[in-house]
């Protein structure tokens, strides 16, 4: 996300695919029932997810879902990839239920992306996505900068709110990366993305 996606999206897509494959294979190994549910219907997948895994599994569930969702986000012209969104969303929602604050609330942020990036016709819900972005911001006390960037890129663009878009990006650009200890690199990435998106305002609006 930080060093490949913007300049080499096809390469990033393959890295994300490799990452989520590692995660899925581990989850398959850990639970035969989960392995069987992957190719089944959504209801079976969700039920198995919730009965086979718990709070101790949050890291593997979270990073698998993040990689999987990021792969799909770069594969919007692939119907098979898009069809996996409900399972990805279910996995992230379960992570949030188990530990909302994990990794600075990034699961909450990711739900914001999932709901804001898609038009309502395709299952999106920008206003609900907005709620998730604001919830993520609240979790870190406004110190985690990535949710501001994705809030701008996905929600503000989707609803065509240019003023909000620029306001969110300016906040990130003007913030210090050291504001959240332990997340300095993520905040550097956020600032770099914010600067890039700031130059694309005419393209989006």
N, C-alpha and C. Protein backbone atom coordinates (compact mmCIF):
# COMPACT_ATOMS: atom_id res chain seq x y z
N UNK A 1 0.82 -1.21 0.00
CA UNK A 1 0.00 0.00 0.00
C UNK A 1 0.85 1.25 0.00
N UNK A 2 1.92 1.21 0.77
CA UNK A 2 2.73 2.41 0.93
C UNK A 2 3.77 2.64 -0.14
N UNK A 3 4.26 1.56 -0.76
CA UNK A 3 5.41 1.71 -1.62
C UNK A 3 5.23 1.17 -3.05
N UNK A 4 4.14 0.47 -3.32
CA UNK A 4 3.98 -0.16 -4.63
C UNK A 4 2.67 0.25 -5.31
N UNK A 5 1.59 0.26 -4.54
CA UNK A 5 0.25 0.37 -5.12
C UNK A 5 0.04 1.56 -6.04
N UNK A 6 0.51 2.73 -5.65
CA UNK A 6 0.23 3.94 -6.43
C UNK A 6 0.94 3.92 -7.78
N UNK A 7 2.17 3.40 -7.82
CA UNK A 7 2.95 3.44 -9.06
C UNK A 7 2.87 2.16 -9.87
N UNK A 8 2.66 1.01 -9.21
CA UNK A 8 2.63 -0.27 -9.90
C UNK A 8 1.43 -1.10 -9.42
N UNK A 9 0.21 -0.69 -9.77
CA UNK A 9 -0.98 -1.37 -9.25
C UNK A 9 -1.06 -2.85 -9.61
N UNK A 10 -0.58 -3.24 -10.79
CA UNK A 10 -0.64 -4.65 -11.17
C UNK A 10 0.29 -5.49 -10.29
N UNK A 11 1.47 -4.95 -10.02
CA UNK A 11 2.40 -5.65 -9.12
C UNK A 11 1.82 -5.72 -7.72
N UNK A 12 1.23 -4.62 -7.26
CA UNK A 12 0.62 -4.59 -5.93
C UNK A 12 -0.50 -5.62 -5.83
N UNK A 13 -1.26 -5.75 -6.90
CA UNK A 13 -2.37 -6.72 -6.91
C UNK A 13 -1.84 -8.14 -6.67
N UNK A 14 -0.74 -8.47 -7.31
CA UNK A 14 -0.18 -9.81 -7.15
C UNK A 14 0.40 -10.01 -5.75
N UNK A 15 0.97 -8.96 -5.18
CA UNK A 15 1.47 -9.05 -3.81
C UNK A 15 0.33 -9.25 -2.84
N UNK A 16 -0.75 -8.50 -3.04
CA UNK A 16 -1.93 -8.68 -2.18
C UNK A 16 -2.48 -10.10 -2.32
N UNK A 17 -2.52 -10.61 -3.54
CA UNK A 17 -3.04 -11.96 -3.77
C UNK A 17 -2.19 -12.99 -3.04
N UNK A 18 -0.88 -12.83 -3.10
CA UNK A 18 0.01 -13.75 -2.41
C UNK A 18 -0.21 -13.67 -0.90
N UNK A 19 -0.37 -12.44 -0.40
CA UNK A 19 -0.56 -12.24 1.04
C UNK A 19 -1.86 -12.88 1.53
N UNK A 20 -2.97 -12.64 0.83
CA UNK A 20 -4.22 -13.22 1.32
C UNK A 20 -4.24 -14.73 1.12
N UNK A 21 -3.51 -15.23 0.13
CA UNK A 21 -3.42 -16.68 -0.05
C UNK A 21 -2.71 -17.32 1.13
N UNK A 22 -1.63 -16.68 1.61
CA UNK A 22 -0.94 -17.19 2.80
C UNK A 22 -1.91 -17.23 3.98
N UNK A 23 -2.66 -16.15 4.15
CA UNK A 23 -3.60 -16.09 5.28
C UNK A 23 -4.70 -17.13 5.17
N UNK A 24 -5.30 -17.25 4.00
CA UNK A 24 -6.37 -18.23 3.78
C UNK A 24 -5.85 -19.65 4.01
N UNK A 25 -4.64 -19.93 3.51
CA UNK A 25 -4.07 -21.28 3.69
C UNK A 25 -3.85 -21.60 5.16
N UNK A 26 -3.44 -20.60 5.94
CA UNK A 26 -3.27 -20.82 7.38
C UNK A 26 -4.62 -21.10 8.04
N UNK A 27 -5.63 -20.32 7.66
CA UNK A 27 -6.96 -20.52 8.24
C UNK A 27 -7.54 -21.88 7.81
N UNK A 28 -7.27 -22.30 6.59
CA UNK A 28 -7.68 -23.63 6.13
C UNK A 28 -7.04 -24.71 6.98
N UNK A 29 -5.75 -24.54 7.22
CA UNK A 29 -5.00 -25.52 8.03
C UNK A 29 -5.55 -25.58 9.46
N UNK A 30 -5.93 -24.43 9.97
CA UNK A 30 -6.40 -24.36 11.36
C UNK A 30 -7.80 -24.94 11.52
N UNK A 31 -8.61 -24.85 10.48
CA UNK A 31 -9.99 -25.33 10.58
C UNK A 31 -10.45 -25.97 9.27
N UNK A 32 -10.66 -27.27 9.31
CA UNK A 32 -11.18 -27.97 8.14
C UNK A 32 -12.57 -27.50 7.77
N UNK A 33 -13.38 -27.16 8.77
CA UNK A 33 -14.73 -26.67 8.49
C UNK A 33 -14.68 -25.34 7.76
N UNK A 34 -13.73 -24.48 8.15
CA UNK A 34 -13.60 -23.21 7.45
C UNK A 34 -13.15 -23.43 6.01
N UNK A 35 -12.22 -24.37 5.83
CA UNK A 35 -11.75 -24.68 4.47
C UNK A 35 -12.91 -25.08 3.58
N UNK A 36 -13.81 -25.89 4.11
CA UNK A 36 -14.97 -26.34 3.34
C UNK A 36 -15.91 -25.19 3.04
N UNK A 37 -16.02 -24.25 3.96
CA UNK A 37 -16.98 -23.15 3.80
C UNK A 37 -16.54 -22.11 2.77
N UNK A 38 -15.27 -22.08 2.45
CA UNK A 38 -14.77 -21.06 1.53
C UNK A 38 -15.43 -21.13 0.16
N UNK A 39 -15.73 -22.33 -0.28
CA UNK A 39 -16.36 -22.50 -1.59
C UNK A 39 -17.88 -22.67 -1.49
N UNK A 40 -18.40 -22.50 -0.26
CA UNK A 40 -19.84 -22.63 -0.07
C UNK A 40 -20.55 -21.30 -0.14
N UNK A 41 -21.82 -21.29 0.26
CA UNK A 41 -22.57 -20.05 0.20
C UNK A 41 -22.18 -19.13 1.36
N UNK A 42 -22.66 -17.89 1.29
CA UNK A 42 -22.25 -16.88 2.26
C UNK A 42 -22.67 -17.24 3.68
N UNK A 43 -23.89 -17.76 3.85
CA UNK A 43 -24.39 -18.07 5.18
C UNK A 43 -23.52 -19.12 5.88
N UNK A 44 -23.10 -20.13 5.14
CA UNK A 44 -22.24 -21.17 5.71
C UNK A 44 -20.88 -20.59 6.07
N UNK A 45 -20.36 -19.75 5.19
CA UNK A 45 -19.06 -19.11 5.45
C UNK A 45 -19.11 -18.29 6.73
N UNK A 46 -20.12 -17.45 6.87
CA UNK A 46 -20.23 -16.58 8.03
C UNK A 46 -20.40 -17.37 9.32
N UNK A 47 -21.25 -18.39 9.29
CA UNK A 47 -21.47 -19.21 10.48
C UNK A 47 -20.19 -19.90 10.91
N UNK A 48 -19.46 -20.46 9.94
CA UNK A 48 -18.23 -21.18 10.25
C UNK A 48 -17.16 -20.22 10.77
N UNK A 49 -17.06 -19.06 10.16
CA UNK A 49 -16.11 -18.05 10.62
C UNK A 49 -16.30 -17.74 12.10
N UNK A 50 -17.56 -17.57 12.49
CA UNK A 50 -17.87 -17.16 13.85
C UNK A 50 -17.80 -18.30 14.87
N UNK A 51 -17.91 -19.51 14.42
CA UNK A 51 -17.84 -20.64 15.36
C UNK A 51 -16.44 -21.22 15.47
N UNK A 52 -15.61 -21.03 14.45
CA UNK A 52 -14.28 -21.64 14.44
C UNK A 52 -13.16 -20.72 14.96
N UNK A 53 -13.41 -19.41 14.97
CA UNK A 53 -12.35 -18.48 15.35
C UNK A 53 -12.84 -17.50 16.42
N UNK A 54 -11.87 -17.01 17.22
CA UNK A 54 -12.22 -16.10 18.31
C UNK A 54 -11.23 -14.95 18.42
N UNK A 55 -11.24 -14.28 19.55
CA UNK A 55 -10.43 -13.07 19.74
C UNK A 55 -8.94 -13.30 19.49
N UNK A 56 -8.44 -14.46 19.87
CA UNK A 56 -7.01 -14.73 19.67
C UNK A 56 -6.63 -14.79 18.20
N UNK A 57 -7.63 -14.96 17.34
CA UNK A 57 -7.38 -15.06 15.90
C UNK A 57 -7.52 -13.73 15.17
N UNK A 58 -7.75 -12.66 15.91
CA UNK A 58 -7.96 -11.35 15.29
C UNK A 58 -6.83 -10.96 14.33
N UNK A 59 -5.55 -11.09 14.71
CA UNK A 59 -4.49 -10.67 13.77
C UNK A 59 -4.54 -11.39 12.43
N UNK A 60 -4.65 -12.71 12.43
CA UNK A 60 -4.66 -13.44 11.15
C UNK A 60 -5.92 -13.13 10.35
N UNK A 61 -7.06 -13.01 11.03
CA UNK A 61 -8.30 -12.67 10.32
C UNK A 61 -8.21 -11.27 9.72
N UNK A 62 -7.69 -10.33 10.50
CA UNK A 62 -7.61 -8.95 10.04
C UNK A 62 -6.69 -8.81 8.83
N UNK A 63 -5.47 -9.33 8.93
CA UNK A 63 -4.51 -9.12 7.84
C UNK A 63 -4.89 -9.91 6.59
N UNK A 64 -5.52 -11.07 6.78
CA UNK A 64 -6.01 -11.81 5.62
C UNK A 64 -7.09 -11.01 4.90
N UNK A 65 -8.03 -10.49 5.67
CA UNK A 65 -9.12 -9.70 5.08
C UNK A 65 -8.60 -8.42 4.43
N UNK A 66 -7.63 -7.77 5.06
CA UNK A 66 -7.07 -6.54 4.49
C UNK A 66 -6.41 -6.81 3.14
N UNK A 67 -5.62 -7.89 3.08
CA UNK A 67 -4.95 -8.23 1.82
C UNK A 67 -5.96 -8.64 0.76
N UNK A 68 -6.94 -9.43 1.17
CA UNK A 68 -7.98 -9.90 0.26
C UNK A 68 -8.78 -8.71 -0.29
N UNK A 69 -9.19 -7.83 0.60
CA UNK A 69 -9.96 -6.66 0.18
C UNK A 69 -9.15 -5.72 -0.69
N UNK A 70 -7.88 -5.57 -0.40
CA UNK A 70 -7.02 -4.70 -1.20
C UNK A 70 -6.83 -5.27 -2.60
N UNK A 71 -6.74 -6.60 -2.68
CA UNK A 71 -6.66 -7.26 -3.99
C UNK A 71 -7.94 -6.98 -4.80
N UNK A 72 -9.07 -7.14 -4.16
CA UNK A 72 -10.35 -6.91 -4.84
C UNK A 72 -10.48 -5.46 -5.27
N UNK A 73 -10.02 -4.55 -4.42
CA UNK A 73 -10.10 -3.12 -4.74
C UNK A 73 -9.34 -2.77 -6.02
N UNK A 74 -8.28 -3.55 -6.30
CA UNK A 74 -7.50 -3.32 -7.52
C UNK A 74 -7.97 -4.22 -8.66
N UNK A 75 -9.05 -4.97 -8.44
CA UNK A 75 -9.55 -5.92 -9.44
C UNK A 75 -11.02 -5.65 -9.75
N UNK A 76 -11.39 -4.39 -9.83
CA UNK A 76 -12.81 -4.04 -9.98
C UNK A 76 -13.41 -4.46 -11.32
N UNK A 77 -12.55 -4.83 -12.26
CA UNK A 77 -13.06 -5.30 -13.55
C UNK A 77 -13.17 -6.82 -13.60
N UNK A 78 -12.97 -7.47 -12.45
CA UNK A 78 -13.01 -8.93 -12.36
C UNK A 78 -14.25 -9.34 -11.56
N UNK A 79 -15.30 -9.82 -12.21
CA UNK A 79 -16.54 -10.18 -11.52
C UNK A 79 -16.33 -11.23 -10.43
N UNK A 80 -15.42 -12.17 -10.67
CA UNK A 80 -15.17 -13.21 -9.67
C UNK A 80 -14.58 -12.61 -8.39
N UNK A 81 -13.66 -11.67 -8.54
CA UNK A 81 -13.07 -11.00 -7.38
C UNK A 81 -14.13 -10.18 -6.64
N UNK A 82 -14.92 -9.43 -7.38
CA UNK A 82 -15.96 -8.59 -6.78
C UNK A 82 -16.97 -9.43 -6.01
N UNK A 83 -17.23 -10.63 -6.47
CA UNK A 83 -18.21 -11.50 -5.81
C UNK A 83 -17.77 -11.91 -4.41
N UNK A 84 -16.49 -11.71 -4.08
CA UNK A 84 -15.98 -12.10 -2.76
C UNK A 84 -16.18 -11.02 -1.70
N UNK A 85 -16.65 -9.84 -2.11
CA UNK A 85 -16.78 -8.72 -1.17
C UNK A 85 -17.63 -9.07 0.06
N UNK A 86 -18.79 -9.73 -0.08
CA UNK A 86 -19.57 -10.05 1.12
C UNK A 86 -18.80 -10.87 2.15
N UNK A 87 -17.97 -11.81 1.70
CA UNK A 87 -17.19 -12.62 2.64
C UNK A 87 -16.09 -11.78 3.30
N UNK A 88 -15.46 -10.92 2.52
CA UNK A 88 -14.44 -10.04 3.09
C UNK A 88 -15.06 -9.11 4.13
N UNK A 89 -16.19 -8.53 3.77
CA UNK A 89 -16.88 -7.62 4.70
C UNK A 89 -17.29 -8.33 5.98
N UNK A 90 -17.76 -9.57 5.84
CA UNK A 90 -18.15 -10.35 7.01
C UNK A 90 -16.95 -10.60 7.92
N UNK A 91 -15.81 -10.91 7.33
CA UNK A 91 -14.60 -11.17 8.10
C UNK A 91 -14.16 -9.92 8.87
N UNK A 92 -14.19 -8.77 8.19
CA UNK A 92 -13.77 -7.53 8.83
C UNK A 92 -14.75 -7.14 9.94
N UNK A 93 -16.04 -7.30 9.69
CA UNK A 93 -17.03 -6.98 10.72
C UNK A 93 -16.83 -7.84 11.96
N UNK A 94 -16.49 -9.09 11.75
CA UNK A 94 -16.25 -9.99 12.89
C UNK A 94 -15.02 -9.55 13.67
N UNK A 95 -13.98 -9.15 12.97
CA UNK A 95 -12.77 -8.63 13.63
C UNK A 95 -13.13 -7.41 14.48
N UNK A 96 -13.94 -6.52 13.93
CA UNK A 96 -14.32 -5.30 14.65
C UNK A 96 -15.14 -5.65 15.90
N UNK A 97 -16.01 -6.64 15.77
CA UNK A 97 -16.79 -7.09 16.93
C UNK A 97 -15.87 -7.62 18.03
N UNK A 98 -14.84 -8.34 17.64
CA UNK A 98 -13.93 -8.96 18.60
C UNK A 98 -12.98 -7.95 19.23
N UNK A 99 -12.48 -7.01 18.42
CA UNK A 99 -11.50 -6.04 18.92
C UNK A 99 -11.52 -4.80 18.02
N UNK A 100 -12.42 -3.90 18.31
CA UNK A 100 -12.62 -2.70 17.49
C UNK A 100 -11.35 -1.87 17.36
N UNK A 101 -10.54 -1.83 18.39
CA UNK A 101 -9.36 -0.97 18.40
C UNK A 101 -8.11 -1.59 17.81
N UNK A 102 -8.20 -2.83 17.32
CA UNK A 102 -7.01 -3.49 16.80
C UNK A 102 -6.37 -2.67 15.68
N UNK A 103 -5.06 -2.50 15.78
CA UNK A 103 -4.27 -1.75 14.80
C UNK A 103 -4.90 -0.39 14.51
N UNK A 104 -5.12 0.36 15.59
CA UNK A 104 -5.62 1.73 15.53
C UNK A 104 -7.01 1.83 14.90
N UNK A 105 -7.78 0.75 15.01
CA UNK A 105 -9.14 0.76 14.46
C UNK A 105 -9.18 0.59 12.96
N UNK A 106 -8.14 -0.03 12.39
CA UNK A 106 -8.07 -0.15 10.93
C UNK A 106 -9.19 -1.00 10.34
N UNK A 107 -9.73 -1.94 11.13
CA UNK A 107 -10.86 -2.72 10.65
C UNK A 107 -12.07 -1.83 10.41
N UNK A 108 -12.29 -0.91 11.32
CA UNK A 108 -13.39 0.05 11.19
C UNK A 108 -13.17 0.92 9.95
N UNK A 109 -11.93 1.37 9.77
CA UNK A 109 -11.59 2.17 8.59
C UNK A 109 -11.86 1.39 7.31
N UNK A 110 -11.49 0.11 7.31
CA UNK A 110 -11.65 -0.70 6.10
C UNK A 110 -13.12 -0.90 5.75
N UNK A 111 -13.96 -0.99 6.76
CA UNK A 111 -15.40 -1.06 6.50
C UNK A 111 -15.88 0.23 5.84
N UNK A 112 -15.29 1.35 6.27
CA UNK A 112 -15.62 2.62 5.64
C UNK A 112 -15.29 2.62 4.16
N UNK A 113 -14.13 2.04 3.83
CA UNK A 113 -13.71 1.96 2.43
C UNK A 113 -14.67 1.06 1.65
N UNK A 114 -14.95 -0.13 2.21
CA UNK A 114 -15.82 -1.09 1.52
C UNK A 114 -17.18 -0.51 1.20
N UNK A 115 -17.74 0.26 2.12
CA UNK A 115 -19.08 0.80 1.92
C UNK A 115 -19.10 2.09 1.09
N UNK A 116 -18.00 2.84 1.13
CA UNK A 116 -17.97 4.12 0.41
C UNK A 116 -17.48 4.00 -1.01
N UNK A 117 -16.68 2.99 -1.29
CA UNK A 117 -16.08 2.86 -2.62
C UNK A 117 -17.08 2.42 -3.67
N UNK A 118 -18.16 1.73 -3.24
CA UNK A 118 -19.14 1.20 -4.19
C UNK A 118 -20.39 2.07 -4.25
N UNK A 119 -20.94 2.29 -5.42
CA UNK A 119 -22.24 2.98 -5.51
C UNK A 119 -23.33 2.15 -4.83
N UNK A 120 -24.42 2.79 -4.44
CA UNK A 120 -25.51 2.08 -3.76
C UNK A 120 -26.06 0.94 -4.60
N UNK A 121 -26.05 1.11 -5.91
CA UNK A 121 -26.55 0.09 -6.82
C UNK A 121 -25.80 -1.23 -6.67
N UNK A 122 -24.54 -1.15 -6.23
CA UNK A 122 -23.71 -2.35 -6.09
C UNK A 122 -23.41 -2.68 -4.63
N UNK A 123 -24.32 -2.27 -3.75
CA UNK A 123 -24.19 -2.64 -2.35
C UNK A 123 -23.47 -1.64 -1.47
N UNK A 124 -23.12 -0.50 -2.03
CA UNK A 124 -22.45 0.52 -1.23
C UNK A 124 -23.42 1.29 -0.35
N UNK A 125 -22.88 1.94 0.66
CA UNK A 125 -23.67 2.76 1.56
C UNK A 125 -22.75 3.87 2.08
N UNK A 126 -22.55 4.92 1.28
CA UNK A 126 -21.61 5.97 1.64
C UNK A 126 -21.84 6.59 3.02
N UNK A 127 -23.09 6.79 3.40
CA UNK A 127 -23.34 7.41 4.71
C UNK A 127 -22.94 6.50 5.86
N UNK A 128 -23.17 5.21 5.69
CA UNK A 128 -22.70 4.26 6.71
C UNK A 128 -21.17 4.22 6.70
N UNK A 129 -20.59 4.30 5.50
CA UNK A 129 -19.13 4.35 5.40
C UNK A 129 -18.57 5.55 6.13
N UNK A 130 -19.25 6.68 6.00
CA UNK A 130 -18.83 7.90 6.70
C UNK A 130 -18.81 7.67 8.21
N UNK A 131 -19.82 7.00 8.72
CA UNK A 131 -19.88 6.70 10.15
C UNK A 131 -18.67 5.87 10.59
N UNK A 132 -18.29 4.92 9.76
CA UNK A 132 -17.13 4.08 10.10
C UNK A 132 -15.84 4.90 10.10
N UNK A 133 -15.67 5.78 9.12
CA UNK A 133 -14.46 6.61 9.09
C UNK A 133 -14.38 7.47 10.35
N UNK A 134 -15.48 8.09 10.72
CA UNK A 134 -15.47 8.97 11.88
C UNK A 134 -15.25 8.17 13.16
N UNK A 135 -15.75 6.94 13.19
CA UNK A 135 -15.54 6.06 14.35
C UNK A 135 -14.06 5.69 14.46
N UNK A 136 -13.43 5.40 13.34
CA UNK A 136 -12.00 5.07 13.35
C UNK A 136 -11.18 6.25 13.84
N UNK A 137 -11.50 7.43 13.35
CA UNK A 137 -10.80 8.65 13.77
C UNK A 137 -10.92 8.85 15.28
N UNK A 138 -12.10 8.57 15.80
CA UNK A 138 -12.34 8.72 17.24
C UNK A 138 -11.51 7.73 18.06
N UNK A 139 -11.33 6.52 17.54
CA UNK A 139 -10.58 5.49 18.26
C UNK A 139 -9.15 5.96 18.56
N UNK A 140 -8.52 6.65 17.62
CA UNK A 140 -7.14 7.10 17.82
C UNK A 140 -7.07 8.55 18.30
N UNK A 141 -8.21 9.13 18.59
CA UNK A 141 -8.21 10.52 19.01
C UNK A 141 -7.76 11.47 17.91
N UNK A 142 -7.97 11.04 16.65
CA UNK A 142 -7.60 11.88 15.52
C UNK A 142 -6.12 11.83 15.16
N UNK A 143 -5.38 10.89 15.77
CA UNK A 143 -3.92 10.85 15.56
C UNK A 143 -3.49 9.90 14.45
N UNK A 144 -4.35 8.98 14.08
CA UNK A 144 -4.06 8.04 13.00
C UNK A 144 -4.54 8.69 11.71
N UNK A 145 -3.63 8.97 10.79
CA UNK A 145 -3.95 9.82 9.65
C UNK A 145 -4.54 9.09 8.44
N UNK A 146 -4.32 7.79 8.32
CA UNK A 146 -4.85 7.07 7.15
C UNK A 146 -6.36 7.17 6.98
N UNK A 147 -7.16 7.07 8.05
CA UNK A 147 -8.61 7.16 7.83
C UNK A 147 -9.05 8.48 7.21
N UNK A 148 -8.35 9.58 7.50
CA UNK A 148 -8.69 10.85 6.88
C UNK A 148 -8.49 10.77 5.37
N UNK A 149 -7.39 10.12 4.96
CA UNK A 149 -7.08 10.01 3.53
C UNK A 149 -8.14 9.18 2.80
N UNK A 150 -8.50 8.04 3.38
CA UNK A 150 -9.49 7.17 2.73
C UNK A 150 -10.90 7.76 2.82
N UNK A 151 -11.16 8.50 3.87
CA UNK A 151 -12.43 9.22 4.02
C UNK A 151 -12.58 10.19 2.84
N UNK A 152 -11.49 10.89 2.52
CA UNK A 152 -11.51 11.83 1.40
C UNK A 152 -11.63 11.09 0.07
N UNK A 153 -10.75 10.10 -0.10
CA UNK A 153 -10.66 9.42 -1.41
C UNK A 153 -11.93 8.66 -1.77
N UNK A 154 -12.57 8.04 -0.78
CA UNK A 154 -13.73 7.20 -1.10
C UNK A 154 -15.07 7.86 -0.77
N UNK A 155 -15.24 8.36 0.44
CA UNK A 155 -16.54 8.96 0.77
C UNK A 155 -16.73 10.30 0.07
N UNK A 156 -15.79 11.23 0.25
CA UNK A 156 -15.97 12.57 -0.31
C UNK A 156 -16.07 12.55 -1.84
N UNK A 157 -15.30 11.67 -2.46
CA UNK A 157 -15.38 11.56 -3.92
C UNK A 157 -16.72 10.94 -4.33
N UNK A 158 -17.15 9.92 -3.61
CA UNK A 158 -18.41 9.24 -3.95
C UNK A 158 -19.60 10.20 -3.88
N UNK A 159 -19.63 11.07 -2.86
CA UNK A 159 -20.77 11.99 -2.72
C UNK A 159 -20.47 13.36 -3.35
N UNK A 160 -19.29 13.47 -3.94
CA UNK A 160 -18.89 14.70 -4.63
C UNK A 160 -18.90 15.92 -3.72
N UNK A 161 -18.24 15.77 -2.56
CA UNK A 161 -18.10 16.88 -1.61
C UNK A 161 -16.64 17.36 -1.67
N UNK A 162 -16.39 18.29 -2.56
CA UNK A 162 -15.03 18.77 -2.78
C UNK A 162 -14.47 19.48 -1.55
N UNK A 163 -15.30 20.24 -0.89
CA UNK A 163 -14.85 20.98 0.28
C UNK A 163 -14.36 20.02 1.37
N UNK A 164 -15.12 18.97 1.63
CA UNK A 164 -14.72 17.98 2.63
C UNK A 164 -13.44 17.28 2.19
N UNK A 165 -13.37 16.94 0.91
CA UNK A 165 -12.18 16.27 0.35
C UNK A 165 -10.92 17.07 0.66
N UNK A 166 -10.95 18.35 0.34
CA UNK A 166 -9.77 19.19 0.54
C UNK A 166 -9.49 19.42 2.02
N UNK A 167 -10.54 19.55 2.80
CA UNK A 167 -10.39 19.76 4.24
C UNK A 167 -9.69 18.57 4.90
N UNK A 168 -10.11 17.36 4.56
CA UNK A 168 -9.51 16.15 5.14
C UNK A 168 -8.05 16.00 4.72
N UNK A 169 -7.78 16.22 3.44
CA UNK A 169 -6.41 16.07 2.96
C UNK A 169 -5.50 17.14 3.56
N UNK A 170 -5.98 18.35 3.68
CA UNK A 170 -5.17 19.41 4.28
C UNK A 170 -4.83 19.11 5.73
N UNK A 171 -5.78 18.51 6.45
CA UNK A 171 -5.53 18.14 7.84
C UNK A 171 -4.34 17.17 7.91
N UNK A 172 -4.34 16.19 7.03
CA UNK A 172 -3.26 15.20 7.02
C UNK A 172 -1.93 15.85 6.65
N UNK A 173 -1.94 16.65 5.61
CA UNK A 173 -0.71 17.30 5.15
C UNK A 173 -0.11 18.19 6.23
N UNK A 174 -0.95 18.84 7.00
CA UNK A 174 -0.48 19.77 8.03
C UNK A 174 -0.16 19.10 9.36
N UNK A 175 -0.48 17.82 9.52
CA UNK A 175 -0.25 17.11 10.78
C UNK A 175 1.18 16.59 10.88
N UNK A 176 1.65 16.39 12.10
CA UNK A 176 2.97 15.81 12.34
C UNK A 176 2.87 14.29 12.40
N UNK A 177 3.82 13.60 11.77
CA UNK A 177 3.76 12.13 11.74
C UNK A 177 3.95 11.53 13.12
N UNK A 178 4.62 12.25 14.03
CA UNK A 178 4.90 11.72 15.36
C UNK A 178 3.70 11.82 16.30
N UNK A 179 2.59 12.29 15.81
CA UNK A 179 1.44 12.52 16.66
C UNK A 179 0.91 11.22 17.28
N UNK A 180 1.15 10.08 16.61
CA UNK A 180 0.72 8.79 17.14
C UNK A 180 1.94 7.87 17.24
N UNK A 181 2.41 7.66 18.45
CA UNK A 181 3.60 6.84 18.66
C UNK A 181 3.36 5.41 18.18
N UNK A 182 4.29 4.90 17.39
CA UNK A 182 4.18 3.55 16.86
C UNK A 182 3.58 3.52 15.47
N UNK A 183 2.96 4.60 15.06
CA UNK A 183 2.32 4.65 13.74
C UNK A 183 2.97 5.69 12.84
N UNK A 184 4.23 6.03 13.14
CA UNK A 184 4.88 7.08 12.37
C UNK A 184 4.97 6.74 10.87
N UNK A 185 5.36 5.50 10.56
CA UNK A 185 5.49 5.12 9.15
C UNK A 185 4.13 5.20 8.44
N UNK A 186 3.09 4.71 9.10
CA UNK A 186 1.75 4.78 8.51
C UNK A 186 1.33 6.22 8.28
N UNK A 187 1.69 7.09 9.20
CA UNK A 187 1.34 8.50 9.03
C UNK A 187 2.16 9.16 7.92
N UNK A 188 3.41 8.71 7.73
CA UNK A 188 4.20 9.21 6.61
C UNK A 188 3.53 8.80 5.29
N UNK A 189 3.09 7.55 5.22
CA UNK A 189 2.41 7.05 4.03
C UNK A 189 1.13 7.85 3.79
N UNK A 190 0.40 8.11 4.87
CA UNK A 190 -0.85 8.88 4.76
C UNK A 190 -0.57 10.26 4.20
N UNK A 191 0.47 10.91 4.68
CA UNK A 191 0.80 12.26 4.20
C UNK A 191 1.18 12.23 2.72
N UNK A 192 1.93 11.21 2.33
CA UNK A 192 2.33 11.11 0.93
C UNK A 192 1.11 10.90 0.02
N UNK A 193 0.19 10.04 0.47
CA UNK A 193 -1.02 9.80 -0.32
C UNK A 193 -1.89 11.06 -0.36
N UNK A 194 -1.96 11.76 0.75
CA UNK A 194 -2.76 12.99 0.80
C UNK A 194 -2.23 14.02 -0.19
N UNK A 195 -0.92 14.14 -0.26
CA UNK A 195 -0.32 15.09 -1.19
C UNK A 195 -0.62 14.69 -2.64
N UNK A 196 -0.58 13.39 -2.92
CA UNK A 196 -0.89 12.92 -4.26
C UNK A 196 -2.35 13.19 -4.61
N UNK A 197 -3.26 12.84 -3.70
CA UNK A 197 -4.69 13.03 -3.97
C UNK A 197 -5.04 14.51 -4.08
N UNK A 198 -4.29 15.35 -3.39
CA UNK A 198 -4.55 16.80 -3.47
C UNK A 198 -4.33 17.30 -4.90
N UNK A 199 -3.37 16.68 -5.60
CA UNK A 199 -3.09 17.10 -6.98
C UNK A 199 -4.11 16.56 -7.97
N UNK A 200 -4.98 15.63 -7.51
CA UNK A 200 -5.94 14.98 -8.39
C UNK A 200 -7.36 15.52 -8.22
N UNK A 201 -7.48 16.63 -7.51
CA UNK A 201 -8.81 17.14 -7.18
C UNK A 201 -9.66 17.41 -8.44
N UNK A 202 -9.05 17.94 -9.48
CA UNK A 202 -9.80 18.25 -10.70
C UNK A 202 -10.25 16.97 -11.41
N UNK A 203 -9.46 15.91 -11.25
CA UNK A 203 -9.80 14.63 -11.86
C UNK A 203 -11.03 14.01 -11.16
N UNK A 204 -11.10 14.16 -9.85
CA UNK A 204 -12.19 13.56 -9.08
C UNK A 204 -13.45 14.43 -9.07
N UNK A 205 -13.29 15.75 -9.25
CA UNK A 205 -14.44 16.64 -9.15
C UNK A 205 -14.62 17.48 -10.42
